[in-house]
């Protein structure tokens, strides 16, 4: 099986027609930080992942 980067944050944003800018505003984070998460340059902390999951509830 071929190794592929998989970024669940980016996938969920696309599935719910949301942008990284929307997520950055929802979390109070810099848009550049969220962009780095979406490109797998860096990863959010566990605390931030929890906040992302809470923000996801507001996507629907």
C-alpha atoms as a PDB file:
ATOM      1  CA  UNK A   1       0.000   0.000   0.000  1.00  0.00           C
ATOM      2  CA  UNK A   2       1.305   3.423  -0.928  1.00  0.00           C
ATOM      3  CA  UNK A   3       2.036   5.863   1.906  1.00  0.00           C
ATOM      4  CA  UNK A   4      -0.199   8.904   1.628  1.00  0.00           C
ATOM      5  CA  UNK A   5      -0.578  11.936   3.819  1.00  0.00           C
ATOM      6  CA  UNK A   6      -4.033  11.988   5.308  1.00  0.00           C
ATOM      7  CA  UNK A   7      -5.275  15.104   6.995  1.00  0.00           C
ATOM      8  CA  UNK A   8      -8.605  14.636   8.721  1.00  0.00           C
ATOM      9  CA  UNK A   9      -8.908  18.333   9.635  1.00  0.00           C
ATOM     10  CA  UNK A  10      -8.730  19.350   5.995  1.00  0.00           C
ATOM     11  CA  UNK A  11     -11.144  16.569   4.932  1.00  0.00           C
ATOM     12  CA  UNK A  12     -13.761  17.543   7.528  1.00  0.00           C
ATOM     13  CA  UNK A  13     -13.552  21.205   6.552  1.00  0.00           C
ATOM     14  CA  UNK A  14     -14.168  20.292   2.912  1.00  0.00           C
ATOM     15  CA  UNK A  15     -17.007  17.892   3.793  1.00  0.00           C
ATOM     16  CA  UNK A  16     -18.780  20.644   5.720  1.00  0.00           C
ATOM     17  CA  UNK A  17     -17.940  23.395   3.219  1.00  0.00           C
ATOM     18  CA  UNK A  18     -15.929  25.330   5.774  1.00  0.00           C
ATOM     19  CA  UNK A  19     -12.600  27.061   5.373  1.00  0.00           C
ATOM     20  CA  UNK A  20      -9.427  27.115   7.379  1.00  0.00           C
ATOM     21  CA  UNK A  21     -10.182  30.793   8.015  1.00  0.00           C
ATOM     22  CA  UNK A  22     -13.521  29.803   9.582  1.00  0.00           C
ATOM     23  CA  UNK A  23     -11.727  27.327  11.862  1.00  0.00           C
ATOM     24  CA  UNK A  24      -9.085  29.881  12.817  1.00  0.00           C
ATOM     25  CA  UNK A  25     -11.794  32.368  13.803  1.00  0.00           C
ATOM     26  CA  UNK A  26     -13.751  29.694  15.705  1.00  0.00           C
ATOM     27  CA  UNK A  27     -10.619  28.787  17.695  1.00  0.00           C
ATOM     28  CA  UNK A  28      -9.107  32.244  17.993  1.00  0.00           C
ATOM     29  CA  UNK A  29      -5.966  31.057  16.188  1.00  0.00           C
ATOM     30  CA  UNK A  30      -3.892  32.695  13.493  1.00  0.00           C
ATOM     31  CA  UNK A  31      -4.995  31.574  10.004  1.00  0.00           C
ATOM     32  CA  UNK A  32      -1.381  30.664   9.196  1.00  0.00           C
ATOM     33  CA  UNK A  33      -1.373  28.218  12.124  1.00  0.00           C
ATOM     34  CA  UNK A  34      -4.505  26.460  10.888  1.00  0.00           C
ATOM     35  CA  UNK A  35      -3.048  26.382   7.379  1.00  0.00           C
ATOM     36  CA  UNK A  36      -0.001  24.543   8.759  1.00  0.00           C
ATOM     37  CA  UNK A  37      -2.316  21.980  10.371  1.00  0.00           C
ATOM     38  CA  UNK A  38      -4.140  21.467   7.062  1.00  0.00           C
ATOM     39  CA  UNK A  39      -0.890  20.894   5.175  1.00  0.00           C
ATOM     40  CA  UNK A  40       0.610  18.613   7.861  1.00  0.00           C
ATOM     41  CA  UNK A  41       3.454  21.048   8.464  1.00  0.00           C
ATOM     42  CA  UNK A  42       2.610  21.054  12.184  1.00  0.00           C
ATOM     43  CA  UNK A  43       0.013  19.359  14.343  1.00  0.00           C
ATOM     44  CA  UNK A  44      -2.288  20.933  16.928  1.00  0.00           C
ATOM     45  CA  UNK A  45      -1.972  20.056  20.602  1.00  0.00           C
ATOM     46  CA  UNK A  46      -4.396  17.615  22.197  1.00  0.00           C
ATOM     47  CA  UNK A  47      -6.133  20.539  23.891  1.00  0.00           C
ATOM     48  CA  UNK A  48      -6.609  22.221  20.525  1.00  0.00           C
ATOM     49  CA  UNK A  49      -7.831  18.985  18.947  1.00  0.00           C
ATOM     50  CA  UNK A  50     -10.514  18.863  21.624  1.00  0.00           C
ATOM     51  CA  UNK A  51     -11.506  22.449  20.779  1.00  0.00           C
ATOM     52  CA  UNK A  52     -11.627  21.528  17.097  1.00  0.00           C
ATOM     53  CA  UNK A  53     -13.961  18.646  17.868  1.00  0.00           C
ATOM     54  CA  UNK A  54     -16.186  21.030  19.822  1.00  0.00           C
ATOM     55  CA  UNK A  55     -16.170  23.477  16.886  1.00  0.00           C
ATOM     56  CA  UNK A  56     -17.123  20.636  14.559  1.00  0.00           C
ATOM     57  CA  UNK A  57     -20.442  20.362  16.386  1.00  0.00           C
ATOM     58  CA  UNK A  58     -21.225  23.860  15.071  1.00  0.00           C
ATOM     59  CA  UNK A  59     -20.524  22.909  11.454  1.00  0.00           C
ATOM     60  CA  UNK A  60     -23.873  21.258  10.807  1.00  0.00           C
END
